[in-house]
PDB file of all heavy atoms in Angstrom:
ATOM      1  N   VAL A   1      12.690   8.484  25.636  1.00  0.00           N
ATOM      2  CA  VAL A   1      12.712   8.900  24.250  1.00  0.00           C
ATOM      3  C   VAL A   1      13.040   7.690  23.391  1.00  0.00           C
ATOM      4  O   VAL A   1      14.076   7.063  23.580  1.00  0.00           O
ATOM      5  CB  VAL A   1      13.767  10.003  24.017  1.00  0.00           C
ATOM      6  CG1 VAL A   1      13.788  10.402  22.551  1.00  0.00           C
ATOM      7  CG2 VAL A   1      13.466  11.205  24.895  1.00  0.00           C
ATOM      8  N   PRO A   2      12.163   7.296  22.474  1.00  0.00           N
ATOM      9  CA  PRO A   2      12.409   6.110  21.666  1.00  0.00           C
ATOM     10  C   PRO A   2      13.613   6.296  20.764  1.00  0.00           C
ATOM     11  O   PRO A   2      13.978   7.417  20.429  1.00  0.00           O
ATOM     12  CB  PRO A   2      11.115   5.965  20.852  1.00  0.00           C
ATOM     13  CG  PRO A   2      10.526   7.333  20.823  1.00  0.00           C
ATOM     14  CD  PRO A   2      10.905   7.964  22.127  1.00  0.00           C
ATOM     15  N   PRO A   3      14.244   5.214  20.365  1.00  0.00           N
ATOM     16  CA  PRO A   3      15.425   5.301  19.504  1.00  0.00           C
ATOM     17  C   PRO A   3      15.043   5.778  18.110  1.00  0.00           C
ATOM     18  O   PRO A   3      13.879   5.705  17.721  1.00  0.00           O
ATOM     19  CB  PRO A   3      15.938   3.858  19.469  1.00  0.00           C
ATOM     20  CG  PRO A   3      14.709   3.038  19.692  1.00  0.00           C
ATOM     21  CD  PRO A   3      13.879   3.836  20.665  1.00  0.00           C
ATOM     22  N   PRO A   4      16.021   6.280  17.343  1.00  0.00           N
ATOM     23  CA  PRO A   4      15.726   6.741  15.989  1.00  0.00           C
ATOM     24  C   PRO A   4      15.131   5.630  15.135  1.00  0.00           C
ATOM     25  O   PRO A   4      15.476   4.471  15.280  1.00  0.00           O
ATOM     26  CB  PRO A   4      17.105   7.167  15.448  1.00  0.00           C
ATOM     27  CG  PRO A   4      17.920   7.430  16.669  1.00  0.00           C
ATOM     28  CD  PRO A   4      17.425   6.473  17.709  1.00  0.00           C
ATOM     29  N   THR A   5      14.222   6.011  14.257  1.00  0.00           N
ATOM     30  CA  THR A   5      13.610   5.037  13.372  1.00  0.00           C
ATOM     31  C   THR A   5      14.664   4.438  12.451  1.00  0.00           C
ATOM     32  O   THR A   5      15.501   5.143  11.908  1.00  0.00           O
ATOM     33  CB  THR A   5      12.535   5.722  12.514  1.00  0.00           C
ATOM     34  OG1 THR A   5      11.548   6.239  13.373  1.00  0.00           O
ATOM     35  CG2 THR A   5      11.898   4.747  11.542  1.00  0.00           C
ATOM     36  N   GLU A   6      14.615   3.142  12.263  1.00  0.00           N
ATOM     37  CA  GLU A   6      15.516   2.495  11.337  1.00  0.00           C
ATOM     38  C   GLU A   6      14.895   2.507   9.948  1.00  0.00           C
ATOM     39  O   GLU A   6      13.799   2.003   9.747  1.00  0.00           O
ATOM     40  CB  GLU A   6      15.795   1.053  11.776  1.00  0.00           C
ATOM     41  CG  GLU A   6      16.664   0.962  13.022  1.00  0.00           C
ATOM     42  CD  GLU A   6      18.052   1.545  12.807  1.00  0.00           C
ATOM     43  OE1 GLU A   6      18.520   1.548  11.662  1.00  0.00           O
ATOM     44  OE2 GLU A   6      18.644   2.010  13.779  1.00  0.00           O
ATOM     45  N   ALA A   7      15.601   3.100   8.996  1.00  0.00           N
ATOM     46  CA  ALA A   7      15.108   3.134   7.627  1.00  0.00           C
ATOM     47  C   ALA A   7      15.386   1.816   6.917  1.00  0.00           C
ATOM     48  O   ALA A   7      14.894   1.588   5.830  1.00  0.00           O
ATOM     49  CB  ALA A   7      15.759   4.280   6.860  1.00  0.00           C
ATOM     50  N   VAL A   8      16.192   0.957   7.550  1.00  0.00           N
ATOM     51  CA  VAL A   8      16.507  -0.336   6.959  1.00  0.00           C
ATOM     52  C   VAL A   8      15.909  -1.428   7.823  1.00  0.00           C
ATOM     53  O   VAL A   8      16.158  -1.508   9.020  1.00  0.00           O
ATOM     54  CB  VAL A   8      18.031  -0.540   6.832  1.00  0.00           C
ATOM     55  CG1 VAL A   8      18.321  -1.899   6.225  1.00  0.00           C
ATOM     56  CG2 VAL A   8      18.641   0.568   5.988  1.00  0.00           C
ATOM     57  N   ARG A   9      15.066  -2.270   7.244  1.00  0.00           N
ATOM     58  CA  ARG A   9      14.419  -3.338   7.986  1.00  0.00           C
ATOM     59  C   ARG A   9      15.419  -4.436   8.329  1.00  0.00           C
ATOM     60  O   ARG A   9      16.553  -4.455   7.848  1.00  0.00           O
ATOM     61  CB  ARG A   9      13.267  -3.926   7.158  1.00  0.00           C
ATOM     62  CG  ARG A   9      12.198  -2.916   6.769  1.00  0.00           C
ATOM     63  CD  ARG A   9      11.285  -3.543   5.723  1.00  0.00           C
ATOM     64  NE  ARG A   9      10.329  -2.557   5.236  1.00  0.00           N
ATOM     65  CZ  ARG A   9       9.037  -2.598   5.501  1.00  0.00           C
ATOM     66  NH1 ARG A   9       8.548  -3.539   6.263  1.00  0.00           N
ATOM     67  NH2 ARG A   9       8.222  -1.693   5.014  1.00  0.00           N
ATOM     68  N   ALA A  10      14.956  -5.380   9.129  1.00  0.00           N
ATOM     69  CA  ALA A  10      15.813  -6.491   9.512  1.00  0.00           C
ATOM     70  C   ALA A  10      16.227  -7.314   8.296  1.00  0.00           C
ATOM     71  O   ALA A  10      17.285  -7.951   8.291  1.00  0.00           O
ATOM     72  CB  ALA A  10      15.086  -7.379  10.529  1.00  0.00           C
ATOM     73  N   THR A  11      15.403  -7.313   7.266  1.00  0.00           N
ATOM     74  CA  THR A  11      15.716  -8.068   6.052  1.00  0.00           C
ATOM     75  C   THR A  11      16.766  -7.384   5.203  1.00  0.00           C
ATOM     76  O   THR A  11      17.261  -7.948   4.237  1.00  0.00           O
ATOM     77  CB  THR A  11      14.441  -8.235   5.206  1.00  0.00           C
ATOM     78  OG1 THR A  11      13.939  -6.937   4.862  1.00  0.00           O
ATOM     79  CG2 THR A  11      13.383  -9.008   5.963  1.00  0.00           C
ATOM     80  N   GLY A  12      17.125  -6.163   5.554  1.00  0.00           N
ATOM     81  CA  GLY A  12      18.102  -5.409   4.773  1.00  0.00           C
ATOM     82  C   GLY A  12      17.465  -4.488   3.754  1.00  0.00           C
ATOM     83  O   GLY A  12      18.153  -3.707   3.105  1.00  0.00           O
ATOM     84  N   ALA A  13      16.140  -4.581   3.586  1.00  0.00           N
ATOM     85  CA  ALA A  13      15.445  -3.722   2.627  1.00  0.00           C
ATOM     86  C   ALA A  13      15.251  -2.330   3.216  1.00  0.00           C
ATOM     87  O   ALA A  13      14.926  -2.187   4.391  1.00  0.00           O
ATOM     88  CB  ALA A  13      14.093  -4.330   2.260  1.00  0.00           C
ATOM     89  N   ILE A  14      15.448  -1.325   2.399  1.00  0.00           N
ATOM     90  CA  ILE A  14      15.319   0.054   2.874  1.00  0.00           C
ATOM     91  C   ILE A  14      13.857   0.474   2.893  1.00  0.00           C
ATOM     92  O   ILE A  14      13.053   0.009   2.082  1.00  0.00           O
ATOM     93  CB  ILE A  14      16.151   1.005   1.983  1.00  0.00           C
ATOM     94  CG1 ILE A  14      16.336   2.369   2.669  1.00  0.00           C
ATOM     95  CG2 ILE A  14      15.505   1.178   0.616  1.00  0.00           C
ATOM     96  CD1 ILE A  14      17.384   3.228   2.026  1.00  0.00           C
ATOM     97  N   ASP A  15      13.488   1.299   3.856  1.00  0.00           N
ATOM     98  CA  ASP A  15      12.120   1.815   3.984  1.00  0.00           C
ATOM     99  C   ASP A  15      12.213   3.310   4.248  1.00  0.00           C
ATOM    100  O   ASP A  15      12.334   3.752   5.387  1.00  0.00           O
ATOM    101  CB  ASP A  15      11.389   1.099   5.131  1.00  0.00           C
ATOM    102  CG  ASP A  15       9.917   1.510   5.227  1.00  0.00           C
ATOM    103  OD1 ASP A  15       9.558   2.528   4.616  1.00  0.00           O
ATOM    104  OD2 ASP A  15       9.159   0.818   5.915  1.00  0.00           O
ATOM    105  N   CYS A  16      12.158   4.097   3.181  1.00  0.00           N
ATOM    106  CA  CYS A  16      12.360   5.538   3.309  1.00  0.00           C
ATOM    107  C   CYS A  16      11.245   6.227   4.083  1.00  0.00           C
ATOM    108  O   CYS A  16      11.472   7.255   4.728  1.00  0.00           O
ATOM    109  CB  CYS A  16      12.503   6.168   1.920  1.00  0.00           C
ATOM    110  SG  CYS A  16      13.996   5.667   1.029  1.00  0.00           S
ATOM    111  N   LEU A  17      10.022   5.677   4.034  1.00  0.00           N
ATOM    112  CA  LEU A  17       8.920   6.296   4.768  1.00  0.00           C
ATOM    113  C   LEU A  17       9.068   6.122   6.264  1.00  0.00           C
ATOM    114  O   LEU A  17       8.507   6.883   7.051  1.00  0.00           O
ATOM    115  CB  LEU A  17       7.585   5.703   4.310  1.00  0.00           C
ATOM    116  CG  LEU A  17       7.106   6.124   2.918  1.00  0.00           C
ATOM    117  CD1 LEU A  17       5.798   5.427   2.580  1.00  0.00           C
ATOM    118  CD2 LEU A  17       6.929   7.634   2.840  1.00  0.00           C
ATOM    119  N   ALA A  18       9.827   5.106   6.695  1.00  0.00           N
ATOM    120  CA  ALA A  18      10.015   4.871   8.121  1.00  0.00           C
ATOM    121  C   ALA A  18      11.228   5.605   8.667  1.00  0.00           C
ATOM    122  O   ALA A  18      11.531   5.509   9.851  1.00  0.00           O
ATOM    123  CB  ALA A  18      10.163   3.362   8.394  1.00  0.00           C
ATOM    124  N   CYS A  19      11.915   6.330   7.822  1.00  0.00           N
ATOM    125  CA  CYS A  19      13.133   7.030   8.242  1.00  0.00           C
ATOM    126  C   CYS A  19      12.766   8.280   9.034  1.00  0.00           C
ATOM    127  O   CYS A  19      11.972   9.115   8.592  1.00  0.00           O
ATOM    128  CB  CYS A  19      13.957   7.412   7.023  1.00  0.00           C
ATOM    129  SG  CYS A  19      15.494   8.271   7.427  1.00  0.00           S
ATOM    130  N   ALA A  20      13.343   8.423  10.216  1.00  0.00           N
ATOM    131  CA  ALA A  20      13.052   9.588  11.053  1.00  0.00           C
ATOM    132  C   ALA A  20      13.950  10.763  10.714  1.00  0.00           C
ATOM    133  O   ALA A  20      13.611  11.911  10.977  1.00  0.00           O
ATOM    134  CB  ALA A  20      13.227   9.220  12.528  1.00  0.00           C
ATOM    135  N   ASP A  21      15.096  10.488  10.132  1.00  0.00           N
ATOM    136  CA  ASP A  21      16.071  11.540   9.893  1.00  0.00           C
ATOM    137  C   ASP A  21      15.860  12.233   8.546  1.00  0.00           C
ATOM    138  O   ASP A  21      15.829  13.445   8.450  1.00  0.00           O
ATOM    139  CB  ASP A  21      17.485  10.958   9.959  1.00  0.00           C
ATOM    140  CG  ASP A  21      18.541  12.039   9.874  1.00  0.00           C
ATOM    141  OD1 ASP A  21      18.347  13.085  10.516  1.00  0.00           O
ATOM    142  OD2 ASP A  21      19.536  11.856   9.161  1.00  0.00           O
ATOM    143  N   ARG A  22      15.710  11.452   7.494  1.00  0.00           N
ATOM    144  CA  ARG A  22      15.505  11.955   6.141  1.00  0.00           C
ATOM    145  C   ARG A  22      16.547  12.994   5.753  1.00  0.00           C
ATOM    146  O   ARG A  22      16.252  14.124   5.368  1.00  0.00           O
ATOM    147  CB  ARG A  22      14.095  12.517   5.990  1.00  0.00           C
ATOM    148  CG  ARG A  22      13.025  11.440   6.196  1.00  0.00           C
ATOM    149  CD  ARG A  22      11.623  11.914   5.983  1.00  0.00           C
ATOM    150  NE  ARG A  22      10.684  10.814   6.208  1.00  0.00           N
ATOM    151  CZ  ARG A  22       9.371  10.937   6.210  1.00  0.00           C
ATOM    152  NH1 ARG A  22       8.829  12.112   6.003  1.00  0.00           N
ATOM    153  NH2 ARG A  22       8.590   9.900   6.425  1.00  0.00           N
ATOM    154  N   ALA A  23      17.799  12.571   5.878  1.00  0.00           N
ATOM    155  CA  ALA A  23      18.913  13.456   5.540  1.00  0.00           C
ATOM    156  C   ALA A  23      18.873  13.877   4.079  1.00  0.00           C
ATOM    157  O   ALA A  23      19.302  14.975   3.724  1.00  0.00           O
ATOM    158  CB  ALA A  23      20.238  12.756   5.852  1.00  0.00           C
ATOM    159  N   CYS A  24      18.343  13.004   3.223  1.00  0.00           N
ATOM    160  CA  CYS A  24      18.314  13.308   1.789  1.00  0.00           C
ATOM    161  C   CYS A  24      17.508  14.563   1.496  1.00  0.00           C
ATOM    162  O   CYS A  24      17.811  15.306   0.556  1.00  0.00           O
ATOM    163  CB  CYS A  24      17.771  12.113   1.008  1.00  0.00           C
ATOM    164  SG  CYS A  24      16.078  11.651   1.455  1.00  0.00           S
ATOM    165  N   LEU A  25      16.463  14.813   2.291  1.00  0.00           N
ATOM    166  CA  LEU A  25      15.633  15.995   2.060  1.00  0.00           C
ATOM    167  C   LEU A  25      16.334  17.266   2.522  1.00  0.00           C
ATOM    168  O   LEU A  25      15.872  18.369   2.215  1.00  0.00           O
ATOM    169  CB  LEU A  25      14.292  15.838   2.778  1.00  0.00           C
ATOM    170  CG  LEU A  25      13.441  14.646   2.334  1.00  0.00           C
ATOM    171  CD1 LEU A  25      12.089  14.664   3.034  1.00  0.00           C
ATOM    172  CD2 LEU A  25      13.259  14.641   0.826  1.00  0.00           C
ATOM    173  N   ARG A  26      17.416  17.120   3.263  1.00  0.00           N
ATOM    174  CA  ARG A  26      18.228  18.281   3.661  1.00  0.00           C
ATOM    175  C   ARG A  26      19.420  18.460   2.731  1.00  0.00           C
ATOM    176  O   ARG A  26      20.288  19.298   2.977  1.00  0.00           O
ATOM    177  CB  ARG A  26      18.732  18.107   5.098  1.00  0.00           C
ATOM    178  CG  ARG A  26      17.647  17.957   6.142  1.00  0.00           C
ATOM    179  CD  ARG A  26      18.223  18.152   7.544  1.00  0.00           C
ATOM    180  NE  ARG A  26      19.293  17.222   7.824  1.00  0.00           N
ATOM    181  CZ  ARG A  26      19.122  16.015   8.368  1.00  0.00           C
ATOM    182  NH1 ARG A  26      17.894  15.601   8.661  1.00  0.00           N
ATOM    183  NH2 ARG A  26      20.142  15.220   8.592  1.00  0.00           N
ATOM    184  N   GLY A  27      19.472  17.640   1.675  1.00  0.00           N
ATOM    185  CA  GLY A  27      20.583  17.740   0.742  1.00  0.00           C
ATOM    186  C   GLY A  27      21.814  16.988   1.192  1.00  0.00           C
ATOM    187  O   GLY A  27      22.914  17.201   0.649  1.00  0.00           O
ATOM    188  N   GLU A  28      21.663  16.085   2.172  1.00  0.00           N
ATOM    189  CA  GLU A  28      22.789  15.304   2.673  1.00  0.00           C
ATOM    190  C   GLU A  28      22.709  13.869   2.168  1.00  0.00           C
ATOM    191  O   GLU A  28      21.639  13.383   1.803  1.00  0.00           O
ATOM    192  CB  GLU A  28      22.800  15.313   4.205  1.00  0.00           C
ATOM    193  CG  GLU A  28      22.855  16.707   4.802  1.00  0.00           C
ATOM    194  CD  GLU A  28      22.678  16.680   6.315  1.00  0.00           C
ATOM    195  OE1 GLU A  28      22.637  15.572   6.890  1.00  0.00           O
ATOM    196  OE2 GLU A  28      22.553  17.773   6.904  1.00  0.00           O
ATOM    197  N   ALA A  29      23.854  13.193   2.145  1.00  0.00           N
ATOM    198  CA  ALA A  29      23.894  11.814   1.678  1.00  0.00           C
ATOM    199  C   ALA A  29      23.145  10.899   2.642  1.00  0.00           C
ATOM    200  O   ALA A  29      23.202  11.073   3.860  1.00  0.00           O
ATOM    201  CB  ALA A  29      25.342  11.345   1.546  1.00  0.00           C
ATOM    202  N   CYS A  30      22.413   9.934   2.092  1.00  0.00           N
ATOM    203  CA  CYS A  30      21.670   8.975   2.912  1.00  0.00           C
ATOM    204  C   CYS A  30      22.638   8.031   3.611  1.00  0.00           C
ATOM    205  O   CYS A  30      23.456   7.382   2.958  1.00  0.00           O
ATOM    206  CB  CYS A  30      20.707   8.182   2.037  1.00  0.00           C
ATOM    207  SG  CYS A  30      19.855   6.860   2.932  1.00  0.00           S
ATOM    208  N   PRO A  31      22.578   7.925   4.942  1.00  0.00           N
ATOM    209  CA  PRO A  31      23.508   7.061   5.672  1.00  0.00           C
ATOM    210  C   PRO A  31      23.129   5.581   5.597  1.00  0.00           C
ATOM    211  O   PRO A  31      23.888   4.730   6.042  1.00  0.00           O
ATOM    212  CB  PRO A  31      23.401   7.575   7.116  1.00  0.00           C
ATOM    213  CG  PRO A  31      21.994   8.092   7.209  1.00  0.00           C
ATOM    214  CD  PRO A  31      21.686   8.675   5.861  1.00  0.00           C
ATOM    215  N   HIS A  32      21.936   5.282   5.034  1.00  0.00           N
ATOM    216  CA  HIS A  32      21.450   3.907   5.042  1.00  0.00           C
ATOM    217  C   HIS A  32      21.759   3.147   3.754  1.00  0.00           C
ATOM    218  O   HIS A  32      21.562   1.947   3.698  1.00  0.00           O
ATOM    219  CB  HIS A  32      19.939   3.894   5.279  1.00  0.00           C
ATOM    220  CG  HIS A  32      19.517   4.611   6.523  1.00  0.00           C
ATOM    221  ND1 HIS A  32      19.821   4.150   7.785  1.00  0.00           N
ATOM    222  CD2 HIS A  32      18.836   5.773   6.691  1.00  0.00           C
ATOM    223  CE1 HIS A  32      19.339   4.992   8.689  1.00  0.00           C
ATOM    224  NE2 HIS A  32      18.742   5.982   8.046  1.00  0.00           N
ATOM    225  N   VAL A  33      22.197   3.853   2.726  1.00  0.00           N
ATOM    226  CA  VAL A  33      22.470   3.199   1.449  1.00  0.00           C
ATOM    227  C   VAL A  33      23.931   2.788   1.402  1.00  0.00           C
ATOM    228  O   VAL A  33      24.824   3.628   1.457  1.00  0.00           O
ATOM    229  CB  VAL A  33      22.137   4.133   0.259  1.00  0.00           C
ATOM    230  CG1 VAL A  33      22.498   3.466  -1.058  1.00  0.00           C
ATOM    231  CG2 VAL A  33      20.664   4.491   0.274  1.00  0.00           C
TER     232      VAL A  33
END
């Protein structure tokens, strides 16, 4: 099973489309910001 998608690239820039969890769409705080 591959690891969870990282929403933050190696450069530190956030990539919301690459996020596998998308907690924000469940009304939860984003853990990557």
